[in-house]
Amino acid sequence: MLSLGGVPQVRDTGKGVPAAFVPELFKQFSSFGSDVESLGLGLFHTRQLMSLLGGTVSYAPNIPNGAVFAIEIPVSVPAQDTMEAAAAASVATSAEIPAAAAAAP
């Protein structure tokens, strides 16, 4: 994975996640009784989205209190010859547009 300036993280200094609950953390409708009402879908949907993008979301305890969530999304950089071919195709297409427009009835 290509890292662009590090891995985005969200940290808090709340009560943290009980160790026994960590295996349930990213499951649908999981909630461990915080002070905030929750349907238990946020982290589930975050993991699903990261999976669709080919990335990951992870949890770690924020010592001494709280939690840290990090996401990683793979970024591919096209090879120079691929970028040049795309630019050439774009120029050719742009040149063809006025000719096609003039020929239209």
PDB file of N, CA and C in Angstrom:
ATOM      1  N   MET A   1       0.833  -1.174   0.000  1.00  0.00           N
ATOM      2  CA  MET A   1       0.000   0.000   0.000  1.00  0.00           C
ATOM      3  C   MET A   1       0.878   1.238   0.000  1.00  0.00           C
ATOM      4  N   LEU A   2       0.477   2.212  -0.755  1.00  0.00           N
ATOM      5  CA  LEU A   2       1.185   3.474  -0.802  1.00  0.00           C
ATOM      6  C   LEU A   2       0.641   4.368   0.286  1.00  0.00           C
ATOM      7  N   SER A   3       1.497   4.909   1.108  1.00  0.00           N
ATOM      8  CA  SER A   3       1.051   5.788   2.184  1.00  0.00           C
ATOM      9  C   SER A   3       1.290   7.231   1.772  1.00  0.00           C
ATOM     10  N   LEU A   4       0.249   8.022   1.842  1.00  0.00           N
ATOM     11  CA  LEU A   4       0.356   9.439   1.514  1.00  0.00           C
ATOM     12  C   LEU A   4       0.333  10.240   2.801  1.00  0.00           C
ATOM     13  N   GLY A   5       1.484  10.365   3.454  1.00  0.00           N
ATOM     14  CA  GLY A   5       1.565  11.156   4.670  1.00  0.00           C
ATOM     15  C   GLY A   5       1.080  10.436   5.912  1.00  0.00           C
ATOM     16  N   GLY A   6       1.038   9.145   5.899  1.00  0.00           N
ATOM     17  CA  GLY A   6       0.651   8.395   7.079  1.00  0.00           C
ATOM     18  C   GLY A   6      -0.730   7.789   6.955  1.00  0.00           C
ATOM     19  N   VAL A   7      -1.107   7.093   8.004  1.00  0.00           N
ATOM     20  CA  VAL A   7      -2.392   6.400   8.050  1.00  0.00           C
ATOM     21  C   VAL A   7      -3.369   7.268   8.827  1.00  0.00           C
ATOM     22  N   PRO A   8      -4.518   7.608   8.231  1.00  0.00           N
ATOM     23  CA  PRO A   8      -5.515   8.393   8.973  1.00  0.00           C
ATOM     24  C   PRO A   8      -5.995   7.623  10.200  1.00  0.00           C
ATOM     25  N   GLN A   9      -6.023   8.327  11.342  1.00  0.00           N
ATOM     26  CA  GLN A   9      -6.439   7.705  12.589  1.00  0.00           C
ATOM     27  C   GLN A   9      -7.435   8.590  13.317  1.00  0.00           C
ATOM     28  N   VAL A  10      -8.312   7.943  14.070  1.00  0.00           N
ATOM     29  CA  VAL A  10      -9.214   8.627  14.980  1.00  0.00           C
ATOM     30  C   VAL A  10      -8.882   8.109  16.371  1.00  0.00           C
ATOM     31  N   ARG A  11      -8.587   9.041  17.292  1.00  0.00           N
ATOM     32  CA  ARG A  11      -8.247   8.667  18.671  1.00  0.00           C
ATOM     33  C   ARG A  11      -9.228   9.328  19.624  1.00  0.00           C
ATOM     34  N   ASP A  12      -9.537   8.622  20.697  1.00  0.00           N
ATOM     35  CA  ASP A  12     -10.300   9.264  21.747  1.00  0.00           C
ATOM     36  C   ASP A  12      -9.704   8.880  23.103  1.00  0.00           C
ATOM     37  N   THR A  13     -10.165   9.537  24.132  1.00  0.00           N
ATOM     38  CA  THR A  13      -9.662   9.270  25.478  1.00  0.00           C
ATOM     39  C   THR A  13     -10.803   8.860  26.400  1.00  0.00           C
ATOM     40  N   GLY A  14     -11.802   8.190  25.828  1.00  0.00           N
ATOM     41  CA  GLY A  14     -12.949   7.727  26.605  1.00  0.00           C
ATOM     42  C   GLY A  14     -12.614   6.502  27.434  1.00  0.00           C
ATOM     43  N   LYS A  15     -13.652   5.720  27.739  1.00  0.00           N
ATOM     44  CA  LYS A  15     -13.494   4.525  28.581  1.00  0.00           C
ATOM     45  C   LYS A  15     -12.733   3.415  27.866  1.00  0.00           C
ATOM     46  N   GLY A  16     -12.699   3.458  26.567  1.00  0.00           N
ATOM     47  CA  GLY A  16     -12.028   2.396  25.821  1.00  0.00           C
ATOM     48  C   GLY A  16     -12.956   1.244  25.530  1.00  0.00           C
ATOM     49  N   VAL A  17     -12.427   0.235  24.894  1.00  0.00           N
ATOM     50  CA  VAL A  17     -13.194  -0.958  24.514  1.00  0.00           C
ATOM     51  C   VAL A  17     -12.758  -2.096  25.426  1.00  0.00           C
ATOM     52  N   PRO A  18     -13.697  -2.711  26.141  1.00  0.00           N
ATOM     53  CA  PRO A  18     -13.325  -3.860  26.978  1.00  0.00           C
ATOM     54  C   PRO A  18     -12.688  -4.963  26.136  1.00  0.00           C
ATOM     55  N   ALA A  19     -11.630  -5.539  26.640  1.00  0.00           N
ATOM     56  CA  ALA A  19     -10.895  -6.573  25.893  1.00  0.00           C
ATOM     57  C   ALA A  19     -11.811  -7.705  25.441  1.00  0.00           C
ATOM     58  N   ALA A  20     -12.782  -8.079  26.248  1.00  0.00           N
ATOM     59  CA  ALA A  20     -13.689  -9.169  25.886  1.00  0.00           C
ATOM     60  C   ALA A  20     -14.587  -8.795  24.708  1.00  0.00           C
ATOM     61  N   PHE A  21     -14.781  -7.488  24.449  1.00  0.00           N
ATOM     62  CA  PHE A  21     -15.664  -7.055  23.376  1.00  0.00           C
ATOM     63  C   PHE A  21     -14.937  -6.866  22.040  1.00  0.00           C
ATOM     64  N   VAL A  22     -13.627  -6.787  22.053  1.00  0.00           N
ATOM     65  CA  VAL A  22     -12.847  -6.510  20.831  1.00  0.00           C
ATOM     66  C   VAL A  22     -13.208  -7.451  19.683  1.00  0.00           C
ATOM     67  N   PRO A  23     -13.390  -8.759  19.884  1.00  0.00           N
ATOM     68  CA  PRO A  23     -13.759  -9.628  18.749  1.00  0.00           C
ATOM     69  C   PRO A  23     -15.117  -9.276  18.132  1.00  0.00           C
ATOM     70  N   GLU A  24     -15.983  -8.599  18.870  1.00  0.00           N
ATOM     71  CA  GLU A  24     -17.315  -8.233  18.384  1.00  0.00           C
ATOM     72  C   GLU A  24     -17.347  -6.834  17.759  1.00  0.00           C
ATOM     73  N   LEU A  25     -16.283  -6.101  17.862  1.00  0.00           N
ATOM     74  CA  LEU A  25     -16.246  -4.663  17.568  1.00  0.00           C
ATOM     75  C   LEU A  25     -16.771  -4.291  16.187  1.00  0.00           C
ATOM     76  N   PHE A  26     -16.444  -5.042  15.162  1.00  0.00           N
ATOM     77  CA  PHE A  26     -16.822  -4.688  13.795  1.00  0.00           C
ATOM     78  C   PHE A  26     -18.033  -5.488  13.286  1.00  0.00           C
ATOM     79  N   LYS A  27     -18.689  -6.193  14.185  1.00  0.00           N
ATOM     80  CA  LYS A  27     -19.856  -6.981  13.787  1.00  0.00           C
ATOM     81  C   LYS A  27     -21.110  -6.103  13.759  1.00  0.00           C
ATOM     82  N   GLN A  28     -22.038  -6.457  12.882  1.00  0.00           N
ATOM     83  CA  GLN A  28     -23.290  -5.728  12.722  1.00  0.00           C
ATOM     84  C   GLN A  28     -24.097  -5.772  14.033  1.00  0.00           C
ATOM     85  N   PHE A  29     -24.625  -4.615  14.424  1.00  0.00           N
ATOM     86  CA  PHE A  29     -25.466  -4.435  15.612  1.00  0.00           C
ATOM     87  C   PHE A  29     -24.730  -4.681  16.920  1.00  0.00           C
ATOM     88  N   SER A  30     -23.404  -4.597  16.910  1.00  0.00           N
ATOM     89  CA  SER A  30     -22.671  -4.788  18.161  1.00  0.00           C
ATOM     90  C   SER A  30     -22.494  -3.443  18.865  1.00  0.00           C
ATOM     91  N   SER A  31     -22.766  -3.446  20.144  1.00  0.00           N
ATOM     92  CA  SER A  31     -22.631  -2.250  20.970  1.00  0.00           C
ATOM     93  C   SER A  31     -22.357  -2.732  22.384  1.00  0.00           C
ATOM     94  N   PHE A  32     -21.451  -2.066  23.084  1.00  0.00           N
ATOM     95  CA  PHE A  32     -21.089  -2.588  24.406  1.00  0.00           C
ATOM     96  C   PHE A  32     -21.540  -1.702  25.555  1.00  0.00           C
ATOM     97  N   GLY A  33     -22.631  -0.970  25.363  1.00  0.00           N
ATOM     98  CA  GLY A  33     -23.232  -0.252  26.482  1.00  0.00           C
ATOM     99  C   GLY A  33     -22.522   1.025  26.872  1.00  0.00           C
ATOM    100  N   SER A  34     -22.173   1.856  25.921  1.00  0.00           N
ATOM    101  CA  SER A  34     -21.594   3.153  26.252  1.00  0.00           C
ATOM    102  C   SER A  34     -22.712   4.101  26.670  1.00  0.00           C
ATOM    103  N   ASP A  35     -22.362   5.324  27.016  1.00  0.00           N
ATOM    104  CA  ASP A  35     -23.341   6.333  27.422  1.00  0.00           C
ATOM    105  C   ASP A  35     -24.147   6.848  26.232  1.00  0.00           C
ATOM    106  N   VAL A  36     -23.707   6.544  25.026  1.00  0.00           N
ATOM    107  CA  VAL A  36     -24.352   7.038  23.812  1.00  0.00           C
ATOM    108  C   VAL A  36     -25.194   5.914  23.208  1.00  0.00           C
ATOM    109  N   GLU A  37     -26.422   6.233  22.814  1.00  0.00           N
ATOM    110  CA  GLU A  37     -27.239   5.228  22.141  1.00  0.00           C
ATOM    111  C   GLU A  37     -26.631   4.925  20.776  1.00  0.00           C
ATOM    112  N   SER A  38     -26.613   3.661  20.427  1.00  0.00           N
ATOM    113  CA  SER A  38     -25.989   3.246  19.176  1.00  0.00           C
ATOM    114  C   SER A  38     -26.720   2.041  18.605  1.00  0.00           C
ATOM    115  N   LEU A  39     -26.814   2.009  17.294  1.00  0.00           N
ATOM    116  CA  LEU A  39     -27.362   0.831  16.624  1.00  0.00           C
ATOM    117  C   LEU A  39     -26.280  -0.217  16.381  1.00  0.00           C
ATOM    118  N   GLY A  40     -25.030   0.163  16.569  1.00  0.00           N
ATOM    119  CA  GLY A  40     -23.952  -0.785  16.336  1.00  0.00           C
ATOM    120  C   GLY A  40     -23.682  -1.034  14.867  1.00  0.00           C
ATOM    121  N   LEU A  41     -23.855   0.013  14.042  1.00  0.00           N
ATOM    122  CA  LEU A  41     -23.644  -0.146  12.600  1.00  0.00           C
ATOM    123  C   LEU A  41     -22.450   0.642  12.075  1.00  0.00           C
ATOM    124  N   GLY A  42     -21.984   1.631  12.800  1.00  0.00           N
ATOM    125  CA  GLY A  42     -20.923   2.512  12.296  1.00  0.00           C
ATOM    126  C   GLY A  42     -19.651   1.781  11.913  1.00  0.00           C
ATOM    127  N   LEU A  43     -19.096   1.026  12.847  1.00  0.00           N
ATOM    128  CA  LEU A  43     -17.850   0.317  12.554  1.00  0.00           C
ATOM    129  C   LEU A  43     -18.081  -0.827  11.578  1.00  0.00           C
ATOM    130  N   PHE A  44     -19.255  -1.438  11.626  1.00  0.00           N
ATOM    131  CA  PHE A  44     -19.601  -2.489  10.668  1.00  0.00           C
ATOM    132  C   PHE A  44     -19.573  -1.917   9.244  1.00  0.00           C
ATOM    133  N   HIS A  45     -20.240  -0.776   9.038  1.00  0.00           N
ATOM    134  CA  HIS A  45     -20.265  -0.172   7.703  1.00  0.00           C
ATOM    135  C   HIS A  45     -18.898   0.357   7.293  1.00  0.00           C
ATOM    136  N   THR A  46     -18.136   0.851   8.243  1.00  0.00           N
ATOM    137  CA  THR A  46     -16.774   1.308   7.942  1.00  0.00           C
ATOM    138  C   THR A  46     -15.936   0.152   7.418  1.00  0.00           C
ATOM    139  N   ARG A  47     -16.014  -0.996   8.081  1.00  0.00           N
ATOM    140  CA  ARG A  47     -15.245  -2.166   7.626  1.00  0.00           C
ATOM    141  C   ARG A  47     -15.732  -2.615   6.245  1.00  0.00           C
ATOM    142  N   GLN A  48     -17.051  -2.600   6.010  1.00  0.00           N
ATOM    143  CA  GLN A  48     -17.581  -3.004   4.705  1.00  0.00           C
ATOM    144  C   GLN A  48     -17.060  -2.076   3.602  1.00  0.00           C
ATOM    145  N   LEU A  49     -17.086  -0.769   3.856  1.00  0.00           N
ATOM    146  CA  LEU A  49     -16.603   0.201   2.867  1.00  0.00           C
ATOM    147  C   LEU A  49     -15.119   0.011   2.603  1.00  0.00           C
ATOM    148  N   MET A  50     -14.333  -0.162   3.646  1.00  0.00           N
ATOM    149  CA  MET A  50     -12.898  -0.370   3.458  1.00  0.00           C
ATOM    150  C   MET A  50     -12.646  -1.644   2.659  1.00  0.00           C
ATOM    151  N   SER A  51     -13.442  -2.671   2.894  1.00  0.00           N
ATOM    152  CA  SER A  51     -13.292  -3.918   2.147  1.00  0.00           C
ATOM    153  C   SER A  51     -13.585  -3.705   0.664  1.00  0.00           C
ATOM    154  N   LEU A  52     -14.646  -2.944   0.360  1.00  0.00           N
ATOM    155  CA  LEU A  52     -14.979  -2.658  -1.037  1.00  0.00           C
ATOM    156  C   LEU A  52     -13.862  -1.887  -1.729  1.00  0.00           C
ATOM    157  N   LEU A  53     -13.158  -1.036  -0.981  1.00  0.00           N
ATOM    158  CA  LEU A  53     -12.061  -0.237  -1.536  1.00  0.00           C
ATOM    159  C   LEU A  53     -10.731  -0.982  -1.513  1.00  0.00           C
ATOM    160  N   GLY A  54     -10.735  -2.214  -0.999  1.00  0.00           N
ATOM    161  CA  GLY A  54      -9.504  -2.988  -0.906  1.00  0.00           C
ATOM    162  C   GLY A  54      -8.641  -2.573   0.270  1.00  0.00           C
ATOM    163  N   GLY A  55      -9.233  -1.877   1.224  1.00  0.00           N
ATOM    164  CA  GLY A  55      -8.478  -1.379   2.367  1.00  0.00           C
ATOM    165  C   GLY A  55      -8.841  -2.087   3.651  1.00  0.00           C
ATOM    166  N   THR A  56      -8.384  -1.519   4.755  1.00  0.00           N
ATOM    167  CA  THR A  56      -8.627  -2.089   6.072  1.00  0.00           C
ATOM    168  C   THR A  56      -8.964  -0.994   7.075  1.00  0.00           C
ATOM    169  N   VAL A  57      -9.639  -1.394   8.136  1.00  0.00           N
ATOM    170  CA  VAL A  57      -9.841  -0.542   9.307  1.00  0.00           C
ATOM    171  C   VAL A  57      -9.394  -1.379  10.495  1.00  0.00           C
ATOM    172  N   SER A  58      -8.703  -0.746  11.426  1.00  0.00           N
ATOM    173  CA  SER A  58      -8.193  -1.502  12.566  1.00  0.00           C
ATOM    174  C   SER A  58      -8.445  -0.740  13.859  1.00  0.00           C
ATOM    175  N   TYR A  59      -8.396  -1.479  14.959  1.00  0.00           N
ATOM    176  CA  TYR A  59      -8.581  -0.925  16.298  1.00  0.00           C
ATOM    177  C   TYR A  59      -7.340  -1.222  17.125  1.00  0.00           C
ATOM    178  N   ALA A  60      -6.996  -0.291  17.994  1.00  0.00           N
ATOM    179  CA  ALA A  60      -5.962  -0.513  19.002  1.00  0.00           C
ATOM    180  C   ALA A  60      -6.344   0.301  20.232  1.00  0.00           C
ATOM    181  N   PRO A  61      -5.974  -0.173  21.419  1.00  0.00           N
ATOM    182  CA  PRO A  61      -6.264   0.629  22.603  1.00  0.00           C
ATOM    183  C   PRO A  61      -5.406   1.892  22.600  1.00  0.00           C
ATOM    184  N   ASN A  62      -5.962   2.989  23.084  1.00  0.00           N
ATOM    185  CA  ASN A  62      -5.224   4.244  23.226  1.00  0.00           C
ATOM    186  C   ASN A  62      -4.795   4.322  24.688  1.00  0.00           C
ATOM    187  N   ILE A  63      -3.570   3.944  24.946  1.00  0.00           N
ATOM    188  CA  ILE A  63      -3.064   3.869  26.313  1.00  0.00           C
ATOM    189  C   ILE A  63      -2.854   5.288  26.863  1.00  0.00           C
ATOM    190  N   PRO A  64      -3.338   5.666  28.022  1.00  0.00           N
ATOM    191  CA  PRO A  64      -3.938   4.828  29.057  1.00  0.00           C
ATOM    192  C   PRO A  64      -5.456   4.662  28.920  1.00  0.00           C
ATOM    193  N   ASN A  65      -6.151   5.546  28.173  1.00  0.00           N
ATOM    194  CA  ASN A  65      -7.610   5.454  28.037  1.00  0.00           C
ATOM    195  C   ASN A  65      -8.006   5.664  26.589  1.00  0.00           C
ATOM    196  N   GLY A  66      -9.085   5.008  26.184  1.00  0.00           N
ATOM    197  CA  GLY A  66      -9.653   5.295  24.868  1.00  0.00           C
ATOM    198  C   GLY A  66      -9.333   4.259  23.819  1.00  0.00           C
ATOM    199  N   ALA A  67      -9.526   4.690  22.577  1.00  0.00           N
ATOM    200  CA  ALA A  67      -9.378   3.793  21.430  1.00  0.00           C
ATOM    201  C   ALA A  67      -8.730   4.540  20.275  1.00  0.00           C
ATOM    202  N   VAL A  68      -8.110   3.780  19.391  1.00  0.00           N
ATOM    203  CA  VAL A  68      -7.533   4.310  18.162  1.00  0.00           C
ATOM    204  C   VAL A  68      -8.057   3.455  17.017  1.00  0.00           C
ATOM    205  N   PHE A  69      -8.653   4.109  16.023  1.00  0.00           N
ATOM    206  CA  PHE A  69      -9.096   3.434  14.814  1.00  0.00           C
ATOM    207  C   PHE A  69      -8.305   4.009  13.651  1.00  0.00           C
ATOM    208  N   ALA A  70      -7.791   3.141  12.800  1.00  0.00           N
ATOM    209  CA  ALA A  70      -6.988   3.573  11.653  1.00  0.00           C
ATOM    210  C   ALA A  70      -7.537   2.934  10.385  1.00  0.00           C
ATOM    211  N   ILE A  71      -7.443   3.683   9.272  1.00  0.00           N
ATOM    212  CA  ILE A  71      -7.843   3.124   7.981  1.00  0.00           C
ATOM    213  C   ILE A  71      -6.660   3.159   7.028  1.00  0.00           C
ATOM    214  N   GLU A  72      -6.599   2.167   6.178  1.00  0.00           N
ATOM    215  CA  GLU A  72      -5.601   2.111   5.108  1.00  0.00           C
ATOM    216  C   GLU A  72      -6.326   1.768   3.821  1.00  0.00           C
ATOM    217  N   ILE A  73      -6.086   2.589   2.801  1.00  0.00           N
ATOM    218  CA  ILE A  73      -6.697   2.368   1.493  1.00  0.00           C
ATOM    219  C   ILE A  73      -5.567   2.276   0.474  1.00  0.00           C
ATOM    220  N   PRO A  74      -5.540   1.199  -0.317  1.00  0.00           N
ATOM    221  CA  PRO A  74      -4.459   1.081  -1.301  1.00  0.00           C
ATOM    222  C   PRO A  74      -4.606   2.142  -2.388  1.00  0.00           C
ATOM    223  N   VAL A  75      -3.476   2.693  -2.769  1.00  0.00           N
ATOM    224  CA  VAL A  75      -3.439   3.690  -3.835  1.00  0.00           C
ATOM    225  C   VAL A  75      -2.460   3.188  -4.878  1.00  0.00           C
ATOM    226  N   SER A  76      -2.922   3.086  -6.112  1.00  0.00           N
ATOM    227  CA  SER A  76      -2.002   2.666  -7.160  1.00  0.00           C
ATOM    228  C   SER A  76      -1.669   3.879  -8.021  1.00  0.00           C
ATOM    229  N   VAL A  77      -0.423   3.989  -8.346  1.00  0.00           N
ATOM    230  CA  VAL A  77       0.044   5.075  -9.188  1.00  0.00           C
ATOM    231  C   VAL A  77       0.292   4.490 -10.576  1.00  0.00           C
ATOM    232  N   PRO A  78      -0.407   5.010 -11.600  1.00  0.00           N
ATOM    233  CA  PRO A  78      -0.223   4.455 -12.945  1.00  0.00           C
ATOM    234  C   PRO A  78       1.214   4.631 -13.432  1.00  0.00           C
ATOM    235  N   ALA A  79       1.667   3.676 -14.195  1.00  0.00           N
ATOM    236  CA  ALA A  79       2.995   3.766 -14.796  1.00  0.00           C
ATOM    237  C   ALA A  79       3.019   4.930 -15.782  1.00  0.00           C
ATOM    238  N   GLN A  80       4.170   5.496 -16.014  1.00  0.00           N
ATOM    239  CA  GLN A  80       4.312   6.655 -16.897  1.00  0.00           C
ATOM    240  C   GLN A  80       3.768   6.373 -18.290  1.00  0.00           C
ATOM    241  N   ASP A  81       4.038   5.180 -18.842  1.00  0.00           N
ATOM    242  CA  ASP A  81       3.553   4.876 -20.183  1.00  0.00           C
ATOM    243  C   ASP A  81       2.021   4.788 -20.215  1.00  0.00           C
ATOM    244  N   THR A  82       1.401   4.355 -19.112  1.00  0.00           N
ATOM    245  CA  THR A  82      -0.061   4.301 -19.040  1.00  0.00           C
ATOM    246  C   THR A  82      -0.633   5.714 -19.046  1.00  0.00           C
ATOM    247  N   MET A  83      -0.008   6.622 -18.287  1.00  0.00           N
ATOM    248  CA  MET A  83      -0.475   8.014 -18.246  1.00  0.00           C
ATOM    249  C   MET A  83      -0.307   8.683 -19.606  1.00  0.00           C
ATOM    250  N   GLU A  84       0.808   8.406 -20.295  1.00  0.00           N
ATOM    251  CA  GLU A  84       1.037   8.992 -21.616  1.00  0.00           C
ATOM    252  C   GLU A  84       0.023   8.468 -22.629  1.00  0.00           C
ATOM    253  N   ALA A  85      -0.297   7.184 -22.555  1.00  0.00           N
ATOM    254  CA  ALA A  85      -1.284   6.605 -23.465  1.00  0.00           C
ATOM    255  C   ALA A  85      -2.664   7.202 -23.206  1.00  0.00           C
ATOM    256  N   ALA A  86      -3.012   7.408 -21.949  1.00  0.00           N
ATOM    257  CA  ALA A  86      -4.303   8.010 -21.612  1.00  0.00           C
ATOM    258  C   ALA A  86      -4.362   9.450 -22.099  1.00  0.00           C
ATOM    259  N   ALA A  87      -3.265  10.181 -21.955  1.00  0.00           N
ATOM    260  CA  ALA A  87      -3.228  11.566 -22.422  1.00  0.00           C
ATOM    261  C   ALA A  87      -3.348  11.622 -23.940  1.00  0.00           C
ATOM    262  N   ALA A  88      -2.676  10.718 -24.645  1.00  0.00           N
ATOM    263  CA  ALA A  88      -2.751  10.691 -26.111  1.00  0.00           C
ATOM    264  C   ALA A  88      -4.174  10.357 -26.564  1.00  0.00           C
ATOM    265  N   ALA A  89      -4.820   9.424 -25.896  1.00  0.00           N
ATOM    266  CA  ALA A  89      -6.197   9.059 -26.251  1.00  0.00           C
ATOM    267  C   ALA A  89      -7.135  10.220 -25.997  1.00  0.00           C
ATOM    268  N   SER A  90      -6.879  10.961 -24.936  1.00  0.00           N
ATOM    269  CA  SER A  90      -7.716  12.109 -24.604  1.00  0.00           C
ATOM    270  C   SER A  90      -7.575  13.198 -25.659  1.00  0.00           C
ATOM    271  N   VAL A  91      -6.362  13.438 -26.111  1.00  0.00           N
ATOM    272  CA  VAL A  91      -6.125  14.454 -27.146  1.00  0.00           C
ATOM    273  C   VAL A  91      -6.797  14.046 -28.445  1.00  0.00           C
ATOM    274  N   ALA A  92      -6.667  12.770 -28.828  1.00  0.00           N
ATOM    275  CA  ALA A  92      -7.279  12.293 -30.065  1.00  0.00           C
ATOM    276  C   ALA A  92      -8.798  12.424 -29.981  1.00  0.00           C
ATOM    277  N   THR A  93      -9.357  12.079 -28.854  1.00  0.00           N
ATOM    278  CA  THR A  93     -10.805  12.176 -28.682  1.00  0.00           C
ATOM    279  C   THR A  93     -11.247  13.625 -28.750  1.00  0.00           C
ATOM    280  N   SER A  94     -10.499  14.527 -28.133  1.00  0.00           N
ATOM    281  CA  SER A  94     -10.840  15.947 -28.155  1.00  0.00           C
ATOM    282  C   SER A  94     -10.791  16.506 -29.567  1.00  0.00           C
ATOM    283  N   ALA A  95      -9.858  16.046 -30.366  1.00  0.00           N
ATOM    284  CA  ALA A  95      -9.727  16.516 -31.732  1.00  0.00           C
ATOM    285  C   ALA A  95     -10.875  16.004 -32.591  1.00  0.00           C
ATOM    286  N   GLU A  96     -11.376  14.822 -32.276  1.00  0.00           N
ATOM    287  CA  GLU A  96     -12.450  14.222 -33.069  1.00  0.00           C
ATOM    288  C   GLU A  96     -13.811  14.854 -32.766  1.00  0.00           C
ATOM    289  N   ILE A  97     -13.977  15.436 -31.598  1.00  0.00           N
ATOM    290  CA  ILE A  97     -15.284  15.982 -31.209  1.00  0.00           C
ATOM    291  C   ILE A  97     -15.747  17.101 -32.128  1.00  0.00           C
ATOM    292  N   PRO A  98     -14.921  18.127 -32.442  1.00  0.00           N
ATOM    293  CA  PRO A  98     -15.403  19.187 -33.344  1.00  0.00           C
ATOM    294  C   PRO A  98     -15.758  18.646 -34.731  1.00  0.00           C
ATOM    295  N   ALA A  99     -14.994  17.677 -35.233  1.00  0.00           N
ATOM    296  CA  ALA A  99     -15.290  17.118 -36.545  1.00  0.00           C
ATOM    297  C   ALA A  99     -16.617  16.376 -36.530  1.00  0.00           C
ATOM    298  N   ALA A 100     -16.860  15.637 -35.472  1.00  0.00           N
ATOM    299  CA  ALA A 100     -18.126  14.907 -35.361  1.00  0.00           C
ATOM    300  C   ALA A 100     -19.299  15.875 -35.205  1.00  0.00           C
ATOM    301  N   ALA A 101     -19.097  16.944 -34.462  1.00  0.00           N
ATOM    302  CA  ALA A 101     -20.161  17.934 -34.270  1.00  0.00           C
ATOM    303  C   ALA A 101     -20.496  18.651 -35.568  1.00  0.00           C
ATOM    304  N   ALA A 102     -19.479  18.923 -36.378  1.00  0.00           N
ATOM    305  CA  ALA A 102     -19.702  19.620 -37.670  1.00  0.00           C
ATOM    306  C   ALA A 102     -20.428  18.713 -38.645  1.00  0.00           C
ATOM    307  N   ALA A 103     -20.192  17.410 -38.549  1.00  0.00           N
ATOM    308  CA  ALA A 103     -20.816  16.468 -39.483  1.00  0.00           C
ATOM    309  C   ALA A 103     -22.255  16.121 -39.075  1.00  0.00           C
ATOM    310  N   ALA A 104     -22.634  16.477 -37.866  1.00  0.00           N
ATOM    311  CA  ALA A 104     -23.984  16.124 -37.391  1.00  0.00           C
ATOM    312  C   ALA A 104     -25.033  16.929 -38.148  1.00  0.00           C
ATOM    313  N   PRO A 105     -26.201  16.322 -38.407  1.00  0.00           N
ATOM    314  CA  PRO A 105     -27.258  17.030 -39.188  1.00  0.00           C
ATOM    315  C   PRO A 105     -27.906  18.145 -38.399  1.00  0.00           C
TER     316      PRO A 105
END
